[in-house]
């Protein structure tokens, strides 16, 4: 009995294995930050330990700087927020010169979200970033609802999704290509399979849901762009269902996104089949949310004597 109790105590204090593999890239844990919610990562360096994260997905980058949409472009909703930022960014050249060198000093993987209004713009920024040391993967953003062209327009028809994925994959021979999918489709499984068939290495599921809010006194939209992307806790149950569907449809890794603010939220996505998760809106109201999720996952595994976080991935049990 004493030996059994001693073994149990030893297991309780053992550090669980938290690393996951996504398309040949090792992540120290399955918690990343979602693009557009964490800036270029460096803005959070004084607010939390960036080294605690599995990865940082930086703000969407185009080859040339983009000003984004005019304000108002953010509006808080019940259990979430609407945004219509519109891809504001400093451009890939400035990112590579001024942000990436500092990011490389941290022990976390850097993934760059890429954007473009036309196919050739996606390919240009992809080729440039493919040659930049310190980047572990590219995330193809074809799901943003807050731009007048490009973005979601490549995620309306699986054939267009296949084409842009295949062409971008050719332009990034060194780096794994993740594709960020939209929830604003009839059947996400069709788009997931199109990406897999086109050579995508992983999927990020999902981007924001298209929504709207109106100022009843002014009788105007709350956002100048009129509509915006809804994110936050309100979307979690729908995002979770879409992640589960995508995991059932493809063999490549799926990264879950949507309303994740706690370790419990992240666990739901992992159990549903996601290989990793991205924390998004929670970063705005709790800057260390992603670090808290990572620590929470480790504690969950330790207390339940789970030696490897990978044991939980895809462990969903359905009713007979």
C-alpha atoms as a PDB file:
ATOM      1  CA  UNK A   1       0.000   0.000   0.000  1.00  0.00           C
ATOM      2  CA  UNK A   2       2.845   2.380   0.885  1.00  0.00           C
ATOM      3  CA  UNK A   3       4.566   1.654  -2.420  1.00  0.00           C
ATOM      4  CA  UNK A   4       1.312   2.294  -4.304  1.00  0.00           C
ATOM      5  CA  UNK A   5       0.776   5.624  -2.536  1.00  0.00           C
ATOM      6  CA  UNK A   6       4.370   6.639  -3.221  1.00  0.00           C
ATOM      7  CA  UNK A   7       3.926   5.848  -6.919  1.00  0.00           C
ATOM      8  CA  UNK A   8       0.728   7.859  -6.965  1.00  0.00           C
ATOM      9  CA  UNK A   9       2.451  10.836  -5.342  1.00  0.00           C
ATOM     10  CA  UNK A  10       5.325  10.621  -7.814  1.00  0.00           C
ATOM     11  CA  UNK A  11       2.839  10.627 -10.698  1.00  0.00           C
ATOM     12  CA  UNK A  12       1.078  13.656  -9.212  1.00  0.00           C
ATOM     13  CA  UNK A  13       4.246  15.738  -9.305  1.00  0.00           C
ATOM     14  CA  UNK A  14       5.508  14.491 -12.665  1.00  0.00           C
ATOM     15  CA  UNK A  15       5.482  17.101 -15.424  1.00  0.00           C
ATOM     16  CA  UNK A  16       3.190  15.915 -18.236  1.00  0.00           C
ATOM     17  CA  UNK A  17       4.417  15.820 -21.828  1.00  0.00           C
ATOM     18  CA  UNK A  18       2.714  18.818 -23.448  1.00  0.00           C
ATOM     19  CA  UNK A  19       4.374  18.947 -26.871  1.00  0.00           C
ATOM     20  CA  UNK A  20       2.370  18.423 -30.057  1.00  0.00           C
ATOM     21  CA  UNK A  21       3.394  18.021 -33.677  1.00  0.00           C
ATOM     22  CA  UNK A  22       1.754  19.999 -36.487  1.00  0.00           C
ATOM     23  CA  UNK A  23       2.953  19.198 -39.993  1.00  0.00           C
ATOM     24  CA  UNK A  24       6.420  18.265 -38.802  1.00  0.00           C
ATOM     25  CA  UNK A  25       6.839  21.270 -36.517  1.00  0.00           C
ATOM     26  CA  UNK A  26       7.109  20.628 -32.776  1.00  0.00           C
ATOM     27  CA  UNK A  27       5.199  22.947 -30.443  1.00  0.00           C
ATOM     28  CA  UNK A  28       6.117  22.851 -26.752  1.00  0.00           C
ATOM     29  CA  UNK A  29       2.391  22.940 -25.922  1.00  0.00           C
ATOM     30  CA  UNK A  30      -0.825  23.166 -27.960  1.00  0.00           C
ATOM     31  CA  UNK A  31      -1.647  26.795 -27.104  1.00  0.00           C
ATOM     32  CA  UNK A  32      -1.138  29.552 -29.677  1.00  0.00           C
ATOM     33  CA  UNK A  33      -2.445  33.074 -30.047  1.00  0.00           C
ATOM     34  CA  UNK A  34      -4.874  33.896 -32.846  1.00  0.00           C
ATOM     35  CA  UNK A  35      -3.921  36.301 -35.604  1.00  0.00           C
ATOM     36  CA  UNK A  36      -5.266  39.819 -35.238  1.00  0.00           C
ATOM     37  CA  UNK A  37      -5.701  39.554 -31.466  1.00  0.00           C
ATOM     38  CA  UNK A  38      -2.086  39.566 -30.315  1.00  0.00           C
ATOM     39  CA  UNK A  39      -0.479  42.183 -32.537  1.00  0.00           C
ATOM     40  CA  UNK A  40       3.000  41.088 -33.557  1.00  0.00           C
ATOM     41  CA  UNK A  41       3.514  39.409 -30.186  1.00  0.00           C
ATOM     42  CA  UNK A  42       6.053  41.890 -28.880  1.00  0.00           C
ATOM     43  CA  UNK A  43       3.292  44.187 -27.579  1.00  0.00           C
ATOM     44  CA  UNK A  44       2.483  41.540 -24.948  1.00  0.00           C
ATOM     45  CA  UNK A  45       6.071  40.869 -23.831  1.00  0.00           C
ATOM     46  CA  UNK A  46       5.712  43.023 -20.680  1.00  0.00           C
ATOM     47  CA  UNK A  47       2.305  41.572 -19.830  1.00  0.00           C
ATOM     48  CA  UNK A  48       3.067  37.851 -19.872  1.00  0.00           C
ATOM     49  CA  UNK A  49       5.798  35.304 -20.581  1.00  0.00           C
ATOM     50  CA  UNK A  50       5.878  34.747 -24.342  1.00  0.00           C
ATOM     51  CA  UNK A  51       8.089  31.716 -23.745  1.00  0.00           C
ATOM     52  CA  UNK A  52       5.133  29.942 -22.117  1.00  0.00           C
ATOM     53  CA  UNK A  53       3.307  29.649 -25.435  1.00  0.00           C
ATOM     54  CA  UNK A  54       3.469  26.941 -28.042  1.00  0.00           C
ATOM     55  CA  UNK A  55       3.302  29.563 -30.738  1.00  0.00           C
ATOM     56  CA  UNK A  56       2.339  33.084 -31.767  1.00  0.00           C
ATOM     57  CA  UNK A  57       0.324  33.688 -34.923  1.00  0.00           C
ATOM     58  CA  UNK A  58       1.101  37.283 -35.784  1.00  0.00           C
ATOM     59  CA  UNK A  59      -1.221  39.867 -37.270  1.00  0.00           C
ATOM     60  CA  UNK A  60      -2.099  39.271 -40.930  1.00  0.00           C
ATOM     61  CA  UNK A  61       0.642  40.521 -43.249  1.00  0.00           C
ATOM     62  CA  UNK A  62       0.493  41.751 -46.823  1.00  0.00           C
ATOM     63  CA  UNK A  63       3.525  42.642 -48.909  1.00  0.00           C
ATOM     64  CA  UNK A  64       2.764  46.373 -48.697  1.00  0.00           C
ATOM     65  CA  UNK A  65       1.275  48.135 -45.647  1.00  0.00           C
ATOM     66  CA  UNK A  66      -2.518  48.362 -45.403  1.00  0.00           C
ATOM     67  CA  UNK A  67      -4.299  51.135 -43.477  1.00  0.00           C
ATOM     68  CA  UNK A  68      -7.391  49.087 -42.759  1.00  0.00           C
ATOM     69  CA  UNK A  69     -10.977  50.267 -42.483  1.00  0.00           C
ATOM     70  CA  UNK A  70     -11.889  53.679 -41.021  1.00  0.00           C
ATOM     71  CA  UNK A  71     -13.465  53.770 -37.536  1.00  0.00           C
ATOM     72  CA  UNK A  72     -15.712  52.900 -35.880  1.00  0.00           C
ATOM     73  CA  UNK A  73     -14.478  49.368 -36.439  1.00  0.00           C
ATOM     74  CA  UNK A  74     -14.853  47.563 -33.096  1.00  0.00           C
ATOM     75  CA  UNK A  75     -18.025  47.068 -31.087  1.00  0.00           C
ATOM     76  CA  UNK A  76     -18.571  45.011 -27.947  1.00  0.00           C
ATOM     77  CA  UNK A  77     -21.545  42.639 -28.037  1.00  0.00           C
ATOM     78  CA  UNK A  78     -23.131  40.284 -25.528  1.00  0.00           C
ATOM     79  CA  UNK A  79     -20.428  37.667 -24.820  1.00  0.00           C
ATOM     80  CA  UNK A  80     -18.267  38.820 -27.707  1.00  0.00           C
ATOM     81  CA  UNK A  81     -17.171  41.556 -30.049  1.00  0.00           C
ATOM     82  CA  UNK A  82     -17.620  42.659 -33.632  1.00  0.00           C
ATOM     83  CA  UNK A  83     -14.604  43.892 -35.544  1.00  0.00           C
ATOM     84  CA  UNK A  84     -14.042  45.255 -39.018  1.00  0.00           C
ATOM     85  CA  UNK A  85     -10.357  46.211 -38.750  1.00  0.00           C
ATOM     86  CA  UNK A  86      -9.707  45.334 -42.373  1.00  0.00           C
ATOM     87  CA  UNK A  87      -6.190  43.875 -42.389  1.00  0.00           C
ATOM     88  CA  UNK A  88      -4.324  46.924 -41.086  1.00  0.00           C
ATOM     89  CA  UNK A  89      -0.642  45.953 -40.985  1.00  0.00           C
ATOM     90  CA  UNK A  90       2.884  47.312 -41.403  1.00  0.00           C
ATOM     91  CA  UNK A  91       3.771  45.160 -44.409  1.00  0.00           C
ATOM     92  CA  UNK A  92       6.014  42.123 -44.680  1.00  0.00           C
ATOM     93  CA  UNK A  93       9.243  44.039 -45.341  1.00  0.00           C
ATOM     94  CA  UNK A  94       9.009  46.114 -42.161  1.00  0.00           C
ATOM     95  CA  UNK A  95       7.903  43.060 -40.170  1.00  0.00           C
ATOM     96  CA  UNK A  96      10.966  41.118 -41.309  1.00  0.00           C
ATOM     97  CA  UNK A  97      13.289  44.019 -40.540  1.00  0.00           C
ATOM     98  CA  UNK A  98      11.865  45.319 -37.254  1.00  0.00           C
ATOM     99  CA  UNK A  99       9.665  42.673 -35.611  1.00  0.00           C
ATOM    100  CA  UNK A 100      10.933  39.239 -36.599  1.00  0.00           C
ATOM    101  CA  UNK A 101      14.507  39.627 -35.239  1.00  0.00           C
ATOM    102  CA  UNK A 102      13.136  40.424 -31.765  1.00  0.00           C
ATOM    103  CA  UNK A 103      10.566  37.617 -31.933  1.00  0.00           C
ATOM    104  CA  UNK A 104      13.320  35.114 -32.688  1.00  0.00           C
ATOM    105  CA  UNK A 105      14.777  35.752 -29.219  1.00  0.00           C
ATOM    106  CA  UNK A 106      11.804  33.991 -27.644  1.00  0.00           C
ATOM    107  CA  UNK A 107      11.448  30.245 -27.252  1.00  0.00           C
ATOM    108  CA  UNK A 108       8.163  29.977 -29.098  1.00  0.00           C
ATOM    109  CA  UNK A 109       7.187  29.211 -32.682  1.00  0.00           C
ATOM    110  CA  UNK A 110       6.281  32.113 -34.974  1.00  0.00           C
ATOM    111  CA  UNK A 111       3.523  31.601 -37.535  1.00  0.00           C
ATOM    112  CA  UNK A 112       2.666  34.376 -39.974  1.00  0.00           C
ATOM    113  CA  UNK A 113      -0.892  34.930 -41.176  1.00  0.00           C
ATOM    114  CA  UNK A 114      -0.844  36.099 -44.805  1.00  0.00           C
ATOM    115  CA  UNK A 115      -3.444  38.229 -46.598  1.00  0.00           C
ATOM    116  CA  UNK A 116      -4.066  39.665 -50.046  1.00  0.00           C
ATOM    117  CA  UNK A 117      -6.758  41.226 -52.198  1.00  0.00           C
ATOM    118  CA  UNK A 118      -5.720  39.241 -55.289  1.00  0.00           C
ATOM    119  CA  UNK A 119      -4.043  35.855 -55.798  1.00  0.00           C
ATOM    120  CA  UNK A 120      -0.790  37.434 -56.980  1.00  0.00           C
ATOM    121  CA  UNK A 121      -0.619  39.447 -53.734  1.00  0.00           C
ATOM    122  CA  UNK A 122      -0.898  36.270 -51.644  1.00  0.00           C
ATOM    123  CA  UNK A 123       1.845  34.666 -53.717  1.00  0.00           C
ATOM    124  CA  UNK A 124       4.160  37.682 -53.473  1.00  0.00           C
ATOM    125  CA  UNK A 125       4.057  37.852 -49.688  1.00  0.00           C
ATOM    126  CA  UNK A 126       4.335  34.074 -49.439  1.00  0.00           C
ATOM    127  CA  UNK A 127       7.512  33.956 -51.519  1.00  0.00           C
ATOM    128  CA  UNK A 128       9.034  36.771 -49.484  1.00  0.00           C
ATOM    129  CA  UNK A 129       8.253  35.200 -46.101  1.00  0.00           C
ATOM    130  CA  UNK A 130       9.341  31.746 -47.265  1.00  0.00           C
ATOM    131  CA  UNK A 131      12.900  33.102 -47.337  1.00  0.00           C
ATOM    132  CA  UNK A 132      12.748  34.721 -43.892  1.00  0.00           C
ATOM    133  CA  UNK A 133      14.519  32.747 -41.119  1.00  0.00           C
ATOM    134  CA  UNK A 134      12.666  32.286 -37.851  1.00  0.00           C
ATOM    135  CA  UNK A 135       9.201  31.586 -39.263  1.00  0.00           C
ATOM    136  CA  UNK A 136       7.847  28.084 -38.639  1.00  0.00           C
ATOM    137  CA  UNK A 137       4.681  28.123 -40.786  1.00  0.00           C
ATOM    138  CA  UNK A 138       2.378  30.341 -42.821  1.00  0.00           C
ATOM    139  CA  UNK A 139      -1.358  30.675 -42.218  1.00  0.00           C
ATOM    140  CA  UNK A 140      -3.303  31.456 -45.393  1.00  0.00           C
ATOM    141  CA  UNK A 141      -6.149  33.807 -44.480  1.00  0.00           C
ATOM    142  CA  UNK A 142      -8.968  33.301 -46.972  1.00  0.00           C
ATOM    143  CA  UNK A 143     -11.746  33.800 -44.445  1.00  0.00           C
ATOM    144  CA  UNK A 144     -11.770  37.415 -43.269  1.00  0.00           C
ATOM    145  CA  UNK A 145     -15.263  38.927 -43.759  1.00  0.00           C
ATOM    146  CA  UNK A 146     -14.077  42.513 -43.286  1.00  0.00           C
ATOM    147  CA  UNK A 147     -12.529  43.388 -46.656  1.00  0.00           C
ATOM    148  CA  UNK A 148     -14.216  44.328 -49.923  1.00  0.00           C
ATOM    149  CA  UNK A 149     -12.280  41.759 -51.976  1.00  0.00           C
ATOM    150  CA  UNK A 150      -9.863  38.914 -51.385  1.00  0.00           C
ATOM    151  CA  UNK A 151     -10.185  37.121 -48.068  1.00  0.00           C
ATOM    152  CA  UNK A 152     -13.537  35.382 -47.735  1.00  0.00           C
ATOM    153  CA  UNK A 153     -14.083  35.654 -51.484  1.00  0.00           C
ATOM    154  CA  UNK A 154     -11.692  32.695 -51.871  1.00  0.00           C
ATOM    155  CA  UNK A 155     -13.705  30.708 -49.331  1.00  0.00           C
ATOM    156  CA  UNK A 156     -17.106  30.854 -51.051  1.00  0.00           C
ATOM    157  CA  UNK A 157     -16.512  28.033 -53.527  1.00  0.00           C
ATOM    158  CA  UNK A 158     -14.386  24.937 -52.757  1.00  0.00           C
ATOM    159  CA  UNK A 159     -12.887  25.151 -56.245  1.00  0.00           C
ATOM    160  CA  UNK A 160     -11.523  28.646 -55.531  1.00  0.00           C
ATOM    161  CA  UNK A 161     -10.280  27.446 -52.149  1.00  0.00           C
ATOM    162  CA  UNK A 162      -8.466  24.563 -53.864  1.00  0.00           C
ATOM    163  CA  UNK A 163      -6.836  26.885 -56.411  1.00  0.00           C
ATOM    164  CA  UNK A 164      -5.490  29.483 -53.988  1.00  0.00           C
ATOM    165  CA  UNK A 165      -4.294  26.797 -51.584  1.00  0.00           C
ATOM    166  CA  UNK A 166      -2.478  24.882 -54.315  1.00  0.00           C
ATOM    167  CA  UNK A 167      -0.829  28.005 -55.730  1.00  0.00           C
ATOM    168  CA  UNK A 168       0.221  29.300 -52.323  1.00  0.00           C
ATOM    169  CA  UNK A 169       1.611  25.907 -51.370  1.00  0.00           C
ATOM    170  CA  UNK A 170       3.827  25.992 -54.476  1.00  0.00           C
ATOM    171  CA  UNK A 171       5.085  29.422 -53.390  1.00  0.00           C
ATOM    172  CA  UNK A 172       6.075  28.166 -49.928  1.00  0.00           C
ATOM    173  CA  UNK A 173       8.271  25.098 -50.510  1.00  0.00           C
ATOM    174  CA  UNK A 174      10.144  25.545 -47.202  1.00  0.00           C
ATOM    175  CA  UNK A 175       7.311  26.378 -44.819  1.00  0.00           C
ATOM    176  CA  UNK A 176       4.224  24.342 -43.888  1.00  0.00           C
ATOM    177  CA  UNK A 177       1.002  25.966 -45.061  1.00  0.00           C
ATOM    178  CA  UNK A 178      -2.035  26.220 -42.791  1.00  0.00           C
ATOM    179  CA  UNK A 179      -5.328  27.449 -44.242  1.00  0.00           C
ATOM    180  CA  UNK A 180      -7.685  29.497 -42.054  1.00  0.00           C
ATOM    181  CA  UNK A 181     -11.270  28.648 -42.940  1.00  0.00           C
ATOM    182  CA  UNK A 182     -14.482  30.624 -42.651  1.00  0.00           C
ATOM    183  CA  UNK A 183     -17.535  29.495 -40.684  1.00  0.00           C
ATOM    184  CA  UNK A 184     -19.742  31.453 -43.101  1.00  0.00           C
ATOM    185  CA  UNK A 185     -20.215  28.508 -45.454  1.00  0.00           C
ATOM    186  CA  UNK A 186     -22.821  25.818 -45.997  1.00  0.00           C
ATOM    187  CA  UNK A 187     -20.578  22.811 -45.278  1.00  0.00           C
ATOM    188  CA  UNK A 188     -17.094  23.374 -43.895  1.00  0.00           C
ATOM    189  CA  UNK A 189     -16.162  19.764 -44.658  1.00  0.00           C
ATOM    190  CA  UNK A 190     -16.147  20.501 -48.391  1.00  0.00           C
ATOM    191  CA  UNK A 191     -13.680  23.343 -47.911  1.00  0.00           C
ATOM    192  CA  UNK A 192     -11.527  21.320 -45.522  1.00  0.00           C
ATOM    193  CA  UNK A 193     -11.236  18.513 -48.071  1.00  0.00           C
ATOM    194  CA  UNK A 194     -10.476  21.015 -50.856  1.00  0.00           C
ATOM    195  CA  UNK A 195      -7.543  22.360 -48.825  1.00  0.00           C
ATOM    196  CA  UNK A 196      -6.255  18.883 -48.046  1.00  0.00           C
ATOM    197  CA  UNK A 197      -6.498  17.847 -51.703  1.00  0.00           C
ATOM    198  CA  UNK A 198      -4.614  21.021 -52.706  1.00  0.00           C
ATOM    199  CA  UNK A 199      -1.687  20.189 -50.428  1.00  0.00           C
ATOM    200  CA  UNK A 200      -2.410  22.166 -47.256  1.00  0.00           C
ATOM    201  CA  UNK A 201      -0.420  20.940 -44.252  1.00  0.00           C
ATOM    202  CA  UNK A 202      -2.977  21.965 -41.614  1.00  0.00           C
ATOM    203  CA  UNK A 203      -6.238  23.860 -41.124  1.00  0.00           C
ATOM    204  CA  UNK A 204      -7.119  26.688 -38.731  1.00  0.00           C
ATOM    205  CA  UNK A 205     -10.821  26.420 -37.898  1.00  0.00           C
ATOM    206  CA  UNK A 206     -12.520  28.903 -37.710  1.00  0.00           C
ATOM    207  CA  UNK A 207     -12.388  32.630 -38.419  1.00  0.00           C
ATOM    208  CA  UNK A 208     -15.062  35.055 -37.235  1.00  0.00           C
ATOM    209  CA  UNK A 209     -18.792  34.835 -37.935  1.00  0.00           C
ATOM    210  CA  UNK A 210     -20.323  37.638 -39.992  1.00  0.00           C
ATOM    211  CA  UNK A 211     -22.559  39.829 -37.837  1.00  0.00           C
ATOM    212  CA  UNK A 212     -24.031  43.291 -37.428  1.00  0.00           C
ATOM    213  CA  UNK A 213     -25.098  45.780 -34.751  1.00  0.00           C
ATOM    214  CA  UNK A 214     -27.176  48.960 -35.109  1.00  0.00           C
ATOM    215  CA  UNK A 215     -27.241  52.186 -33.089  1.00  0.00           C
ATOM    216  CA  UNK A 216     -30.998  52.651 -32.654  1.00  0.00           C
ATOM    217  CA  UNK A 217     -30.682  56.361 -31.783  1.00  0.00           C
ATOM    218  CA  UNK A 218     -28.600  57.259 -34.819  1.00  0.00           C
ATOM    219  CA  UNK A 219     -30.176  54.523 -36.943  1.00  0.00           C
ATOM    220  CA  UNK A 220     -26.753  53.630 -38.259  1.00  0.00           C
ATOM    221  CA  UNK A 221     -24.584  50.511 -38.162  1.00  0.00           C
ATOM    222  CA  UNK A 222     -22.236  50.398 -35.173  1.00  0.00           C
ATOM    223  CA  UNK A 223     -19.408  49.712 -37.631  1.00  0.00           C
ATOM    224  CA  UNK A 224     -18.568  51.956 -40.576  1.00  0.00           C
ATOM    225  CA  UNK A 225     -18.026  48.813 -42.668  1.00  0.00           C
ATOM    226  CA  UNK A 226     -21.641  47.931 -41.719  1.00  0.00           C
ATOM    227  CA  UNK A 227     -20.929  44.286 -40.937  1.00  0.00           C
ATOM    228  CA  UNK A 228     -18.097  42.770 -38.938  1.00  0.00           C
ATOM    229  CA  UNK A 229     -16.641  39.532 -37.662  1.00  0.00           C
ATOM    230  CA  UNK A 230     -18.164  38.206 -34.440  1.00  0.00           C
ATOM    231  CA  UNK A 231     -15.784  36.520 -32.014  1.00  0.00           C
ATOM    232  CA  UNK A 232     -15.610  35.661 -28.331  1.00  0.00           C
ATOM    233  CA  UNK A 233     -17.409  33.233 -25.993  1.00  0.00           C
ATOM    234  CA  UNK A 234     -20.684  33.584 -27.913  1.00  0.00           C
ATOM    235  CA  UNK A 235     -19.328  31.629 -30.888  1.00  0.00           C
ATOM    236  CA  UNK A 236     -17.642  28.764 -29.015  1.00  0.00           C
ATOM    237  CA  UNK A 237     -20.347  26.064 -29.354  1.00  0.00           C
ATOM    238  CA  UNK A 238     -20.676  26.658 -33.102  1.00  0.00           C
ATOM    239  CA  UNK A 239     -16.916  26.846 -33.636  1.00  0.00           C
ATOM    240  CA  UNK A 240     -16.475  23.623 -31.666  1.00  0.00           C
ATOM    241  CA  UNK A 241     -18.981  21.848 -33.892  1.00  0.00           C
ATOM    242  CA  UNK A 242     -17.204  23.078 -37.025  1.00  0.00           C
ATOM    243  CA  UNK A 243     -13.829  21.927 -35.698  1.00  0.00           C
ATOM    244  CA  UNK A 244     -15.265  18.485 -34.954  1.00  0.00           C
ATOM    245  CA  UNK A 245     -16.727  18.275 -38.473  1.00  0.00           C
ATOM    246  CA  UNK A 246     -13.420  19.320 -40.055  1.00  0.00           C
ATOM    247  CA  UNK A 247     -11.514  16.743 -38.001  1.00  0.00           C
ATOM    248  CA  UNK A 248     -13.874  14.042 -39.232  1.00  0.00           C
ATOM    249  CA  UNK A 249     -13.399  15.108 -42.857  1.00  0.00           C
ATOM    250  CA  UNK A 250      -9.601  15.314 -43.189  1.00  0.00           C
ATOM    251  CA  UNK A 251      -6.428  13.605 -42.016  1.00  0.00           C
ATOM    252  CA  UNK A 252      -4.263  16.727 -41.765  1.00  0.00           C
ATOM    253  CA  UNK A 253      -4.036  18.509 -38.380  1.00  0.00           C
ATOM    254  CA  UNK A 254      -6.757  20.955 -37.371  1.00  0.00           C
ATOM    255  CA  UNK A 255      -6.119  23.923 -35.067  1.00  0.00           C
ATOM    256  CA  UNK A 256      -9.248  24.958 -33.171  1.00  0.00           C
ATOM    257  CA  UNK A 257     -10.292  28.599 -32.795  1.00  0.00           C
ATOM    258  CA  UNK A 258     -13.397  30.259 -31.402  1.00  0.00           C
ATOM    259  CA  UNK A 259     -14.242  31.638 -27.971  1.00  0.00           C
ATOM    260  CA  UNK A 260     -11.426  29.885 -26.119  1.00  0.00           C
ATOM    261  CA  UNK A 261     -10.729  31.657 -22.826  1.00  0.00           C
ATOM    262  CA  UNK A 262      -9.871  28.877 -20.357  1.00  0.00           C
ATOM    263  CA  UNK A 263      -8.170  25.517 -20.142  1.00  0.00           C
ATOM    264  CA  UNK A 264     -11.608  23.913 -20.062  1.00  0.00           C
ATOM    265  CA  UNK A 265     -12.513  25.589 -23.353  1.00  0.00           C
ATOM    266  CA  UNK A 266      -9.255  24.404 -24.919  1.00  0.00           C
ATOM    267  CA  UNK A 267      -9.827  20.853 -23.691  1.00  0.00           C
ATOM    268  CA  UNK A 268     -13.177  20.694 -25.474  1.00  0.00           C
ATOM    269  CA  UNK A 269     -11.485  21.489 -28.785  1.00  0.00           C
ATOM    270  CA  UNK A 270      -8.659  19.006 -28.185  1.00  0.00           C
ATOM    271  CA  UNK A 271     -11.072  16.228 -27.251  1.00  0.00           C
ATOM    272  CA  UNK A 272     -13.060  17.034 -30.406  1.00  0.00           C
ATOM    273  CA  UNK A 273      -9.919  16.343 -32.431  1.00  0.00           C
ATOM    274  CA  UNK A 274      -8.001  19.621 -32.699  1.00  0.00           C
ATOM    275  CA  UNK A 275      -4.225  19.193 -32.505  1.00  0.00           C
ATOM    276  CA  UNK A 276      -3.828  22.660 -31.007  1.00  0.00           C
ATOM    277  CA  UNK A 277      -5.877  25.764 -30.210  1.00  0.00           C
ATOM    278  CA  UNK A 278      -5.603  29.502 -30.735  1.00  0.00           C
ATOM    279  CA  UNK A 279      -6.708  32.019 -28.110  1.00  0.00           C
ATOM    280  CA  UNK A 280      -8.176  35.159 -29.630  1.00  0.00           C
ATOM    281  CA  UNK A 281     -10.663  37.640 -28.176  1.00  0.00           C
ATOM    282  CA  UNK A 282      -9.725  36.738 -24.587  1.00  0.00           C
ATOM    283  CA  UNK A 283      -6.369  38.482 -25.191  1.00  0.00           C
ATOM    284  CA  UNK A 284      -8.179  41.842 -25.306  1.00  0.00           C
ATOM    285  CA  UNK A 285      -9.693  41.658 -21.839  1.00  0.00           C
ATOM    286  CA  UNK A 286      -7.086  39.396 -20.180  1.00  0.00           C
ATOM    287  CA  UNK A 287      -3.675  39.859 -21.808  1.00  0.00           C
ATOM    288  CA  UNK A 288      -2.215  36.741 -20.182  1.00  0.00           C
ATOM    289  CA  UNK A 289      -5.161  34.537 -21.186  1.00  0.00           C
ATOM    290  CA  UNK A 290      -3.109  32.311 -23.504  1.00  0.00           C
ATOM    291  CA  UNK A 291      -0.468  31.719 -20.834  1.00  0.00           C
ATOM    292  CA  UNK A 292      -3.208  30.874 -18.344  1.00  0.00           C
ATOM    293  CA  UNK A 293      -4.715  28.360 -20.781  1.00  0.00           C
ATOM    294  CA  UNK A 294      -1.323  26.686 -21.311  1.00  0.00           C
ATOM    295  CA  UNK A 295      -0.667  26.399 -17.579  1.00  0.00           C
ATOM    296  CA  UNK A 296      -4.206  25.190 -16.995  1.00  0.00           C
ATOM    297  CA  UNK A 297      -3.826  22.375 -19.522  1.00  0.00           C
ATOM    298  CA  UNK A 298      -0.640  21.219 -17.847  1.00  0.00           C
ATOM    299  CA  UNK A 299      -2.294  21.269 -14.422  1.00  0.00           C
ATOM    300  CA  UNK A 300      -5.314  19.353 -15.730  1.00  0.00           C
ATOM    301  CA  UNK A 301      -3.050  16.600 -17.059  1.00  0.00           C
ATOM    302  CA  UNK A 302      -0.961  16.489 -13.894  1.00  0.00           C
ATOM    303  CA  UNK A 303      -3.930  16.172 -11.537  1.00  0.00           C
ATOM    304  CA  UNK A 304      -5.496  13.419 -13.651  1.00  0.00           C
ATOM    305  CA  UNK A 305      -2.240  11.508 -14.133  1.00  0.00           C
ATOM    306  CA  UNK A 306      -2.286  12.055 -17.906  1.00  0.00           C
ATOM    307  CA  UNK A 307       1.322  11.667 -18.984  1.00  0.00           C
ATOM    308  CA  UNK A 308       0.897  13.041 -22.512  1.00  0.00           C
ATOM    309  CA  UNK A 309      -1.522  15.738 -23.729  1.00  0.00           C
ATOM    310  CA  UNK A 310      -1.773  13.833 -27.013  1.00  0.00           C
ATOM    311  CA  UNK A 311      -3.814  11.172 -25.203  1.00  0.00           C
ATOM    312  CA  UNK A 312      -6.673  13.673 -25.069  1.00  0.00           C
ATOM    313  CA  UNK A 313      -6.623  14.698 -28.719  1.00  0.00           C
ATOM    314  CA  UNK A 314      -9.582  13.149 -30.544  1.00  0.00           C
ATOM    315  CA  UNK A 315     -10.681  11.242 -27.440  1.00  0.00           C
ATOM    316  CA  UNK A 316     -14.372  12.174 -27.785  1.00  0.00           C
ATOM    317  CA  UNK A 317     -16.689   9.302 -26.867  1.00  0.00           C
ATOM    318  CA  UNK A 318     -20.139   9.340 -28.391  1.00  0.00           C
ATOM    319  CA  UNK A 319     -23.266   7.649 -27.082  1.00  0.00           C
ATOM    320  CA  UNK A 320     -24.120   4.191 -28.355  1.00  0.00           C
END
